[in-house]
């Protein structure tokens, strides 16, 4: 997270001020940022299809992909 994002998402408790070092669950744009990161990381790989937030390798043999 950027310094600005840390300051905006900080919270105060009886134990002091806390700032996130990594993106927590529940932020409005967290899924889009995570998906962009996955897309960039998986760019160029073959036989990879992605579902929202869930990369899954494709099976070569349809028989082995049955659940």
N, C-alpha and C. Protein backbone atom coordinates (compact mmCIF):
# COMPACT_ATOMS: atom_id res chain seq x y z
N UNK A 1 0.84 -1.18 0.00
CA UNK A 1 0.00 0.00 0.00
C UNK A 1 0.88 1.24 0.00
N UNK A 2 0.39 2.28 -0.63
CA UNK A 2 1.13 3.53 -0.64
C UNK A 2 1.02 4.21 0.72
N UNK A 3 1.88 5.16 0.97
CA UNK A 3 1.82 5.89 2.25
C UNK A 3 0.47 6.58 2.41
N UNK A 4 -0.05 7.14 1.33
CA UNK A 4 -1.35 7.82 1.40
C UNK A 4 -2.47 6.82 1.74
N UNK A 5 -2.45 5.65 1.11
CA UNK A 5 -3.46 4.63 1.38
C UNK A 5 -3.36 4.14 2.81
N UNK A 6 -2.15 4.01 3.33
CA UNK A 6 -1.97 3.60 4.73
C UNK A 6 -2.59 4.63 5.67
N UNK A 7 -2.36 5.90 5.40
CA UNK A 7 -2.90 6.96 6.26
C UNK A 7 -4.43 6.98 6.21
N UNK A 8 -4.99 6.78 5.04
CA UNK A 8 -6.45 6.81 4.89
C UNK A 8 -7.10 5.62 5.58
N UNK A 9 -6.48 4.44 5.53
CA UNK A 9 -7.09 3.24 6.09
C UNK A 9 -6.66 2.96 7.54
N UNK A 10 -5.90 3.86 8.14
CA UNK A 10 -5.44 3.67 9.52
C UNK A 10 -6.63 3.71 10.48
N UNK A 11 -6.46 3.10 11.63
CA UNK A 11 -7.51 3.11 12.65
C UNK A 11 -6.88 3.22 14.04
N UNK A 12 -7.66 3.73 14.97
CA UNK A 12 -7.18 3.95 16.34
C UNK A 12 -7.88 2.97 17.27
N UNK A 13 -7.11 2.36 18.16
CA UNK A 13 -7.64 1.49 19.20
C UNK A 13 -7.11 1.99 20.54
N UNK A 14 -7.56 1.41 21.65
CA UNK A 14 -6.99 1.80 22.94
C UNK A 14 -5.48 1.54 23.03
N UNK A 15 -4.96 0.71 22.13
CA UNK A 15 -3.54 0.38 22.15
C UNK A 15 -2.71 1.29 21.24
N UNK A 16 -3.35 2.17 20.50
CA UNK A 16 -2.63 3.11 19.64
C UNK A 16 -3.15 3.15 18.22
N UNK A 17 -2.41 3.84 17.36
CA UNK A 17 -2.74 3.99 15.95
C UNK A 17 -2.15 2.83 15.16
N UNK A 18 -2.95 2.22 14.32
CA UNK A 18 -2.49 1.11 13.50
C UNK A 18 -2.69 1.43 12.03
N UNK A 19 -1.68 1.11 11.23
CA UNK A 19 -1.73 1.29 9.78
C UNK A 19 -1.45 -0.05 9.12
N UNK A 20 -2.17 -0.32 8.05
CA UNK A 20 -1.99 -1.56 7.31
C UNK A 20 -0.69 -1.52 6.52
N UNK A 21 0.05 -2.63 6.50
CA UNK A 21 1.23 -2.77 5.64
C UNK A 21 0.86 -3.38 4.29
N UNK A 22 -0.18 -4.21 4.31
CA UNK A 22 -0.68 -4.86 3.09
C UNK A 22 -2.16 -4.58 3.00
N UNK A 23 -2.71 -4.76 1.81
CA UNK A 23 -4.12 -4.45 1.59
C UNK A 23 -5.00 -5.44 2.36
N UNK A 24 -5.87 -4.95 3.23
CA UNK A 24 -6.76 -5.83 3.98
C UNK A 24 -7.99 -6.21 3.16
N UNK A 25 -8.72 -7.21 3.63
CA UNK A 25 -10.00 -7.54 3.02
C UNK A 25 -10.98 -6.41 3.29
N UNK A 26 -11.91 -6.22 2.38
CA UNK A 26 -12.98 -5.26 2.61
C UNK A 26 -12.81 -3.91 1.94
N UNK A 27 -11.63 -3.61 1.41
CA UNK A 27 -11.49 -2.35 0.69
C UNK A 27 -12.20 -2.48 -0.65
N UNK A 28 -12.86 -1.41 -1.07
CA UNK A 28 -13.72 -1.45 -2.25
C UNK A 28 -12.98 -1.87 -3.52
N UNK A 29 -11.77 -1.40 -3.71
CA UNK A 29 -11.05 -1.70 -4.95
C UNK A 29 -10.05 -2.84 -4.81
N UNK A 30 -10.04 -3.54 -3.71
CA UNK A 30 -9.08 -4.63 -3.50
C UNK A 30 -9.20 -5.74 -4.55
N UNK A 31 -10.40 -6.19 -4.92
CA UNK A 31 -10.47 -7.26 -5.94
C UNK A 31 -9.89 -6.84 -7.29
N UNK A 32 -10.14 -5.60 -7.71
CA UNK A 32 -9.61 -5.14 -8.99
C UNK A 32 -8.09 -5.05 -8.97
N UNK A 33 -7.53 -4.57 -7.88
CA UNK A 33 -6.08 -4.47 -7.76
C UNK A 33 -5.45 -5.86 -7.73
N UNK A 34 -6.06 -6.77 -6.99
CA UNK A 34 -5.55 -8.14 -6.93
C UNK A 34 -5.62 -8.80 -8.31
N UNK A 35 -6.74 -8.61 -9.01
CA UNK A 35 -6.88 -9.22 -10.33
C UNK A 35 -5.86 -8.66 -11.31
N UNK A 36 -5.58 -7.36 -11.27
CA UNK A 36 -4.58 -6.76 -12.13
C UNK A 36 -3.20 -7.35 -11.84
N UNK A 37 -2.91 -7.55 -10.55
CA UNK A 37 -1.63 -8.15 -10.17
C UNK A 37 -1.52 -9.58 -10.72
N UNK A 38 -2.60 -10.36 -10.61
CA UNK A 38 -2.59 -11.72 -11.16
C UNK A 38 -2.43 -11.71 -12.67
N UNK A 39 -3.15 -10.81 -13.35
CA UNK A 39 -3.04 -10.73 -14.81
C UNK A 39 -1.61 -10.43 -15.23
N UNK A 40 -0.96 -9.51 -14.55
CA UNK A 40 0.43 -9.17 -14.86
C UNK A 40 1.36 -10.34 -14.58
N UNK A 41 1.13 -11.06 -13.49
CA UNK A 41 2.00 -12.18 -13.12
C UNK A 41 1.84 -13.35 -14.08
N UNK A 42 0.63 -13.57 -14.60
CA UNK A 42 0.37 -14.73 -15.46
C UNK A 42 0.47 -14.41 -16.94
N UNK A 43 0.78 -13.17 -17.29
CA UNK A 43 0.85 -12.77 -18.70
C UNK A 43 1.91 -13.61 -19.43
N UNK A 44 1.50 -14.18 -20.55
CA UNK A 44 2.43 -14.95 -21.36
C UNK A 44 2.40 -16.45 -21.10
N UNK A 45 1.81 -16.89 -20.01
CA UNK A 45 1.72 -18.32 -19.74
C UNK A 45 0.66 -18.93 -20.65
N UNK A 46 0.91 -20.14 -21.11
CA UNK A 46 -0.08 -20.84 -21.92
C UNK A 46 -0.82 -21.85 -21.04
N UNK A 47 -1.97 -22.24 -21.50
CA UNK A 47 -2.81 -23.21 -20.80
C UNK A 47 -3.20 -22.74 -19.40
N UNK A 48 -3.33 -21.46 -19.24
CA UNK A 48 -3.82 -20.91 -17.97
C UNK A 48 -5.06 -20.10 -18.30
N UNK A 49 -6.15 -20.42 -17.66
CA UNK A 49 -7.34 -19.59 -17.77
C UNK A 49 -7.63 -19.07 -16.37
N UNK A 50 -8.18 -17.92 -16.29
CA UNK A 50 -8.42 -17.36 -14.97
C UNK A 50 -9.90 -17.07 -14.78
N UNK A 51 -10.33 -17.32 -13.61
CA UNK A 51 -11.63 -16.88 -13.14
C UNK A 51 -11.33 -15.73 -12.20
N UNK A 52 -12.30 -14.95 -11.89
CA UNK A 52 -12.06 -13.82 -10.99
C UNK A 52 -11.39 -14.31 -9.72
N UNK A 53 -10.16 -13.87 -9.50
CA UNK A 53 -9.35 -14.18 -8.32
C UNK A 53 -9.03 -15.67 -8.16
N UNK A 54 -9.12 -16.44 -9.26
CA UNK A 54 -8.88 -17.88 -9.12
C UNK A 54 -8.21 -18.43 -10.37
N UNK A 55 -6.88 -18.39 -10.48
CA UNK A 55 -6.24 -18.94 -11.67
C UNK A 55 -6.30 -20.47 -11.64
N UNK A 56 -6.62 -21.06 -12.79
CA UNK A 56 -6.74 -22.51 -12.85
C UNK A 56 -6.06 -23.03 -14.11
N UNK A 57 -5.16 -24.01 -13.98
CA UNK A 57 -4.52 -24.57 -15.18
C UNK A 57 -5.52 -25.42 -15.96
N UNK A 58 -5.41 -25.39 -17.28
CA UNK A 58 -6.29 -26.20 -18.12
C UNK A 58 -5.77 -27.63 -18.17
N UNK A 59 -6.68 -28.58 -18.24
CA UNK A 59 -6.33 -29.99 -18.34
C UNK A 59 -6.20 -30.38 -19.80
N UNK A 60 -5.20 -31.18 -20.12
CA UNK A 60 -5.05 -31.66 -21.49
C UNK A 60 -6.05 -32.75 -21.80
N UNK A 61 -6.37 -33.59 -20.83
CA UNK A 61 -7.26 -34.72 -21.01
C UNK A 61 -8.57 -34.44 -20.28
N UNK A 62 -9.70 -34.38 -21.01
CA UNK A 62 -10.98 -34.10 -20.34
C UNK A 62 -11.34 -35.13 -19.27
N UNK A 63 -10.89 -36.37 -19.44
CA UNK A 63 -11.21 -37.41 -18.46
C UNK A 63 -10.57 -37.12 -17.10
N UNK A 64 -9.41 -36.51 -17.08
CA UNK A 64 -8.74 -36.25 -15.80
C UNK A 64 -9.26 -35.00 -15.11
N UNK A 65 -10.09 -34.23 -15.80
CA UNK A 65 -10.58 -33.00 -15.19
C UNK A 65 -11.94 -33.17 -14.53
N UNK A 66 -12.48 -34.37 -14.55
CA UNK A 66 -13.77 -34.61 -13.89
C UNK A 66 -13.60 -34.64 -12.38
N UNK A 67 -14.60 -34.12 -11.71
CA UNK A 67 -14.56 -34.11 -10.23
C UNK A 67 -15.49 -35.16 -9.70
